C-alpha atoms as a PDB file:
ATOM      1  CA  MET A   1       4.884 -47.288   5.459  1.00  0.00           C
ATOM      2  CA  ALA A   2       3.736 -43.732   4.786  1.00  0.00           C
ATOM      3  CA  GLU A   3       4.239 -42.584   1.234  1.00  0.00           C
ATOM      4  CA  LYS A   4       6.385 -39.516   0.740  1.00  0.00           C
ATOM      5  CA  ALA A   5       4.401 -36.486  -0.373  1.00  0.00           C
ATOM      6  CA  PRO A   6       5.107 -35.399  -3.957  1.00  0.00           C
ATOM      7  CA  GLU A   7       7.515 -32.518  -4.420  1.00  0.00           C
ATOM      8  CA  ARG A   8       5.820 -29.146  -4.456  1.00  0.00           C
ATOM      9  CA  PRO A   9       6.010 -27.450  -7.868  1.00  0.00           C
ATOM     10  CA  ALA A  10       8.112 -24.300  -8.027  1.00  0.00           C
ATOM     11  CA  TYR A  11       5.355 -21.764  -8.512  1.00  0.00           C
ATOM     12  CA  PRO A  12       6.438 -18.227  -9.453  1.00  0.00           C
ATOM     13  CA  VAL A  13       6.245 -15.790  -6.550  1.00  0.00           C
ATOM     14  CA  ILE A  14       3.611 -13.140  -7.211  1.00  0.00           C
ATOM     15  CA  SER A  15       3.882 -10.088  -5.001  1.00  0.00           C
ATOM     16  CA  SER A  16       0.702  -8.272  -4.037  1.00  0.00           C
ATOM     17  CA  GLY A  17       2.664  -5.188  -3.064  1.00  0.00           C
ATOM     18  CA  TRP A  18       1.907  -5.693   0.622  1.00  0.00           C
ATOM     19  CA  ASP A  19       5.032  -7.795   1.136  1.00  0.00           C
ATOM     20  CA  SER A  20       7.226  -4.699   0.983  1.00  0.00           C
ATOM     21  CA  GLU A  21       5.387  -3.215   3.975  1.00  0.00           C
ATOM     22  CA  ASP A  22       7.693  -5.200   6.258  1.00  0.00           C
ATOM     23  CA  GLU A  23      10.699  -3.152   5.182  1.00  0.00           C
ATOM     24  CA  GLU A  24      11.253  -0.453   7.788  1.00  0.00           C
ATOM     25  CA  SER A  25      13.616   1.521   5.558  1.00  0.00           C
ATOM     26  CA  ARG A  26      10.914   3.102   3.412  1.00  0.00           C
ATOM     27  CA  GLY A  27       8.063   2.760   5.876  1.00  0.00           C
ATOM     28  CA  LYS A  28       8.428   6.157   7.481  1.00  0.00           C
ATOM     29  CA  THR A  29       8.779   8.073   4.211  1.00  0.00           C
ATOM     30  CA  SER A  30       5.755   6.336   2.691  1.00  0.00           C
ATOM     31  CA  ASP A  31       3.688   7.193   5.772  1.00  0.00           C
ATOM     32  CA  LEU A  32       4.749  10.827   5.420  1.00  0.00           C
ATOM     33  CA  MET A  33       3.903  10.864   1.712  1.00  0.00           C
ATOM     34  CA  THR A  34       0.511   9.312   2.432  1.00  0.00           C
ATOM     35  CA  ALA A  35      -0.198  12.022   4.992  1.00  0.00           C
ATOM     36  CA  VAL A  36       0.892  14.755   2.563  1.00  0.00           C
ATOM     37  CA  LYS A  37      -1.299  13.348  -0.218  1.00  0.00           C
ATOM     38  CA  ALA A  38      -4.271  13.070   2.140  1.00  0.00           C
ATOM     39  CA  LEU A  39      -3.756  16.683   3.238  1.00  0.00           C
ATOM     40  CA  ALA A  40      -3.598  17.841  -0.388  1.00  0.00           C
ATOM     41  CA  VAL A  41      -6.800  16.000  -1.322  1.00  0.00           C
ATOM     42  CA  LEU A  42      -8.569  17.325   1.766  1.00  0.00           C
ATOM     43  CA  SER A  43      -7.442  20.872   0.984  1.00  0.00           C
ATOM     44  CA  LEU A  44      -8.679  20.625  -2.607  1.00  0.00           C
ATOM     45  CA  PHE A  45     -11.997  19.255  -1.366  1.00  0.00           C
ATOM     46  CA  ILE A  46     -12.433  22.138   1.084  1.00  0.00           C
ATOM     47  CA  VAL A  47     -11.544  24.709  -1.594  1.00  0.00           C
ATOM     48  CA  ALA A  48     -14.030  23.130  -4.026  1.00  0.00           C
ATOM     49  CA  ILE A  49     -16.801  23.248  -1.405  1.00  0.00           C
ATOM     50  CA  ALA A  50     -15.951  26.881  -0.591  1.00  0.00           C
ATOM     51  CA  LEU A  51     -16.141  27.835  -4.274  1.00  0.00           C
ATOM     52  CA  LEU A  52     -19.505  26.090  -4.634  1.00  0.00           C
ATOM     53  CA  ILE A  53     -20.968  27.847  -1.594  1.00  0.00           C
ATOM     54  CA  ARG A  54     -19.622  31.280  -2.545  1.00  0.00           C
END
């Protein structure tokens, strides 16, 4: 009766980089590194503003 759907081609898996977010092993360290980088950028920004105002 109903025709069988054609087999789905084996497309290559392309990772966007977000797939690895599910791994809990590196999640905590990456959060810490993100916080450290944000703090560094914020500190540089504040220093630059202070030097401009001076």
